[in-house]
Amino acid sequence: MRIILPTPVTPAALLASNIPEDDHPAWGAGVTYARGARVVADHGVWESVADGNTGHDPAADALGSWWLRIGATNRWRAFDERIGGQTVGGPTITYSIRLPRTLNRIAFFNLDAASVRVKVTTPAGVTIHDRTEGLVARDPVGTFWEYVFTEFAFTPNVIVAAPLPAGATLDITVTGGAVTRVGEIVMGRDTPVGTTVA
């Protein structure tokens, strides 16, 4: 049995993404918020739990007296360690990540997409890995009739093995139809934990 020891993606490591962080207006220190108003702060969506909410930073409200964290923003939902929610984008979702340490696996969960491309570039600009995993199949297809009438099957989860050295840039491109969805992206080290027995 093997597991992937995850390495979190931090704001410092995320270099770029085509998913905007505009789920709600950004929190403003001088704005008064009513109960139920939602804002974006610290890459999360927060809801005001009281009227007359002025000057209370959601990220600093440890007791939840003024704000309740609803969840990660659409951009960060792919890295929130929860497979149930999904980052939703257009035909493609892209992320560019500076690798904080040497890793060797990337796992994608709860995908609604046709393909996943993983590209790794060293700090010197040399591409050391560039592979696209197709997620669409017509299995089993044995006859012409099955080829024409069998529904396409979409793989919701995939693990990609790649050299991921510290300091390199990891470019992820998830491609789908009009709407593409990614539940969770986990990168880490593939580690053996033992042998499964009956």
Protein backbone atom coordinates (compact mmCIF):
# COMPACT_ATOMS: atom_id res chain seq x y z
CA MET A 1 0.00 0.00 0.00
CA ARG A 2 1.22 3.47 -0.84
CA ILE A 3 0.02 6.92 0.18
CA ILE A 4 0.76 10.46 -0.97
CA LEU A 5 2.00 12.65 1.87
CA PRO A 6 0.45 16.00 0.90
CA THR A 7 2.29 19.31 0.71
CA PRO A 8 -0.06 22.29 1.08
CA VAL A 9 -0.23 24.99 -1.59
CA THR A 10 0.30 28.36 0.09
CA PRO A 11 -0.47 31.84 -1.28
CA ALA A 12 3.28 32.36 -1.72
CA ALA A 13 3.55 29.20 -3.84
CA LEU A 14 0.59 29.98 -6.14
CA LEU A 15 2.08 32.13 -8.90
CA ALA A 16 -0.96 32.48 -11.18
CA SER A 17 -4.40 31.15 -12.04
CA ASN A 18 -7.08 31.99 -14.59
CA ILE A 19 -9.77 31.62 -11.89
CA PRO A 20 -10.57 35.06 -10.46
CA GLU A 21 -11.12 35.57 -6.74
CA ASP A 22 -14.28 37.63 -7.17
CA ASP A 23 -16.89 35.41 -5.49
CA HIS A 24 -17.99 38.44 -3.40
CA PRO A 25 -16.61 41.95 -2.77
CA ALA A 26 -13.32 42.14 -0.90
CA TRP A 27 -13.63 43.00 2.79
CA GLY A 28 -13.20 46.71 3.49
CA ALA A 29 -12.18 48.08 6.92
CA GLY A 30 -14.37 51.16 6.54
CA VAL A 31 -17.49 49.41 5.24
CA THR A 32 -20.43 48.59 7.53
CA TYR A 33 -21.85 45.12 6.87
CA ALA A 34 -25.31 43.85 7.71
CA ARG A 35 -26.07 40.34 8.96
CA GLY A 36 -25.80 37.90 6.05
CA ALA A 37 -23.46 40.04 3.95
CA ARG A 38 -20.63 38.06 2.36
CA VAL A 39 -17.08 39.16 1.63
CA VAL A 40 -13.77 37.71 0.45
CA ALA A 41 -10.79 37.87 2.83
CA ASP A 42 -7.71 35.69 3.29
CA HIS A 43 -8.74 33.51 0.29
CA GLY A 44 -12.01 32.59 2.01
CA VAL A 45 -15.68 33.56 1.82
CA TRP A 46 -17.00 35.05 5.08
CA GLU A 47 -20.56 35.87 6.16
CA SER A 48 -21.39 38.59 8.66
CA VAL A 49 -23.26 37.22 11.70
CA ALA A 50 -24.29 40.63 13.08
CA ASP A 51 -25.59 44.00 11.90
CA GLY A 52 -23.39 47.07 12.20
CA ASN A 53 -20.25 45.05 11.46
CA THR A 54 -17.55 47.69 10.89
CA GLY A 55 -13.76 47.36 11.15
CA HIS A 56 -13.71 43.72 12.21
CA ASP A 57 -11.22 41.80 10.06
CA PRO A 58 -12.74 38.38 9.23
CA ALA A 59 -9.34 36.65 9.27
CA ALA A 60 -8.63 38.00 12.78
CA ASP A 61 -12.05 37.12 14.25
CA ALA A 62 -10.93 33.94 16.06
CA LEU A 63 -14.08 33.69 18.21
CA GLY A 64 -16.50 34.16 15.31
CA SER A 65 -18.18 37.12 17.01
CA TRP A 66 -18.62 39.00 13.73
CA TRP A 67 -17.84 36.62 10.89
CA LEU A 68 -18.44 32.98 9.93
CA ARG A 69 -16.10 31.40 7.37
CA ILE A 70 -18.26 29.72 4.71
CA GLY A 71 -15.38 28.12 2.81
CA ALA A 72 -12.58 28.77 0.36
CA THR A 73 -13.00 31.06 -2.63
CA ASN A 74 -13.59 29.46 -6.03
CA ARG A 75 -9.88 29.79 -6.89
CA TRP A 76 -8.71 28.14 -3.66
CA ARG A 77 -11.37 25.42 -3.42
CA ALA A 78 -9.03 23.10 -5.35
CA PHE A 79 -6.55 23.29 -2.44
CA ASP A 80 -8.86 23.41 0.61
CA GLU A 81 -8.41 19.71 1.56
CA ARG A 82 -12.10 18.98 0.92
CA ILE A 83 -12.99 16.78 -2.04
CA GLY A 84 -16.72 17.62 -2.00
CA GLY A 85 -16.48 21.23 -3.21
CA GLN A 86 -15.26 22.08 -6.69
CA THR A 87 -13.41 24.93 -8.36
CA VAL A 88 -15.57 25.87 -11.34
CA GLY A 89 -14.16 27.48 -14.48
CA GLY A 90 -14.79 27.86 -18.18
CA PRO A 91 -13.27 25.60 -20.85
CA THR A 92 -9.96 25.48 -18.94
CA ILE A 93 -8.71 25.87 -15.38
CA THR A 94 -5.04 26.78 -15.01
CA TYR A 95 -2.73 26.98 -12.03
CA SER A 96 0.96 27.85 -11.93
CA ILE A 97 2.71 26.78 -8.71
CA ARG A 98 6.29 27.24 -7.47
CA LEU A 99 7.21 23.93 -5.84
CA PRO A 100 8.33 24.47 -2.23
CA ARG A 101 10.09 21.10 -1.96
CA THR A 102 10.92 18.04 -4.07
CA LEU A 103 7.82 15.92 -4.75
CA ASN A 104 6.87 13.12 -7.14
CA ARG A 105 3.07 12.78 -7.38
CA ILE A 106 0.02 14.93 -8.12
CA ALA A 107 -3.49 13.62 -7.45
CA PHE A 108 -6.66 15.11 -8.90
CA PHE A 109 -10.03 14.31 -7.32
CA ASN A 110 -13.67 14.91 -8.26
CA LEU A 111 -12.87 16.08 -11.78
CA ASP A 112 -15.44 17.05 -14.38
CA ALA A 113 -13.07 17.45 -17.32
CA ALA A 114 -11.73 15.83 -20.49
CA SER A 115 -7.99 16.09 -19.83
CA VAL A 116 -5.31 17.18 -17.35
CA ARG A 117 -1.95 18.56 -18.49
CA VAL A 118 1.02 18.64 -16.09
CA LYS A 119 4.09 20.63 -17.14
CA VAL A 120 7.21 21.06 -14.99
CA THR A 121 9.84 23.70 -15.77
CA THR A 122 13.12 24.14 -13.89
CA PRO A 123 14.24 27.58 -12.64
CA ALA A 124 16.60 27.65 -15.65
CA GLY A 125 13.59 27.41 -18.00
CA VAL A 126 14.09 23.78 -19.06
CA THR A 127 10.92 21.69 -19.42
CA ILE A 128 11.54 18.34 -17.73
CA HIS A 129 7.99 16.97 -17.86
CA ASP A 130 5.04 17.72 -20.12
CA ARG A 131 2.26 15.16 -20.26
CA THR A 132 -1.48 15.24 -20.88
CA GLU A 133 -3.75 12.62 -19.30
CA GLY A 134 -6.98 11.94 -21.18
CA LEU A 135 -9.98 11.43 -18.91
CA VAL A 136 -12.54 10.33 -21.51
CA ALA A 137 -13.02 6.69 -22.55
CA ARG A 138 -15.59 4.42 -24.18
CA ASP A 139 -14.97 1.21 -22.27
CA PRO A 140 -15.84 -1.47 -23.05
CA VAL A 141 -16.04 -0.99 -26.82
CA GLY A 142 -15.75 -4.18 -28.87
CA THR A 143 -18.08 -3.65 -31.82
CA PHE A 144 -19.04 -0.82 -34.14
CA TRP A 145 -22.48 -0.65 -32.50
CA GLU A 146 -20.87 -0.22 -29.06
CA TYR A 147 -18.57 2.48 -30.46
CA VAL A 148 -21.53 4.47 -31.75
CA PHE A 149 -23.96 3.98 -28.88
CA THR A 150 -21.83 3.49 -25.75
CA GLU A 151 -21.76 6.54 -23.50
CA PHE A 152 -18.48 8.28 -22.83
CA ALA A 153 -17.05 7.58 -19.39
CA PHE A 154 -15.19 10.34 -17.57
CA THR A 155 -12.47 9.49 -15.05
CA PRO A 156 -13.13 11.59 -11.93
CA ASN A 157 -9.80 10.86 -10.18
CA VAL A 158 -6.27 10.54 -11.53
CA ILE A 159 -2.74 10.34 -10.11
CA VAL A 160 0.16 11.68 -12.17
CA ALA A 161 3.76 10.63 -11.52
CA ALA A 162 6.22 13.40 -12.40
CA PRO A 163 9.60 14.74 -11.33
CA LEU A 164 8.78 17.78 -9.18
CA PRO A 165 12.06 19.32 -7.93
CA ALA A 166 12.08 22.12 -5.37
CA GLY A 167 12.01 25.58 -6.98
CA ALA A 168 10.57 24.34 -10.28
CA THR A 169 7.35 25.72 -11.74
CA LEU A 170 4.39 23.36 -12.01
CA ASP A 171 1.81 24.36 -14.63
CA ILE A 172 -1.54 22.57 -14.42
CA THR A 173 -4.15 22.85 -17.18
CA VAL A 174 -7.51 21.11 -16.72
CA THR A 175 -9.60 21.15 -19.90
CA GLY A 176 -13.29 20.31 -20.22
CA GLY A 177 -16.35 21.48 -22.09
CA ALA A 178 -18.13 24.78 -21.56
CA VAL A 179 -17.72 24.28 -17.79
CA THR A 180 -14.74 22.55 -16.16
CA ARG A 181 -14.62 21.48 -12.51
CA VAL A 182 -11.84 20.37 -10.16
CA GLY A 183 -12.60 19.02 -6.70
CA GLU A 184 -9.12 18.82 -5.19
CA ILE A 185 -5.49 18.94 -6.27
CA VAL A 186 -3.03 17.23 -3.93
CA MET A 187 0.70 17.19 -4.55
CA GLY A 188 3.17 15.29 -2.43
CA ARG A 189 5.55 12.39 -2.08
CA ASP A 190 4.59 8.80 -2.88
CA THR A 191 5.42 6.82 0.25
CA PRO A 192 5.10 3.06 0.90
CA VAL A 193 3.31 2.26 4.20
CA GLY A 194 3.19 -1.54 4.09
CA THR A 195 1.81 -4.59 2.32
CA THR A 196 -1.91 -5.21 2.19
CA VAL A 197 -2.80 -8.72 3.35
CA ALA A 198 -6.06 -10.66 3.31
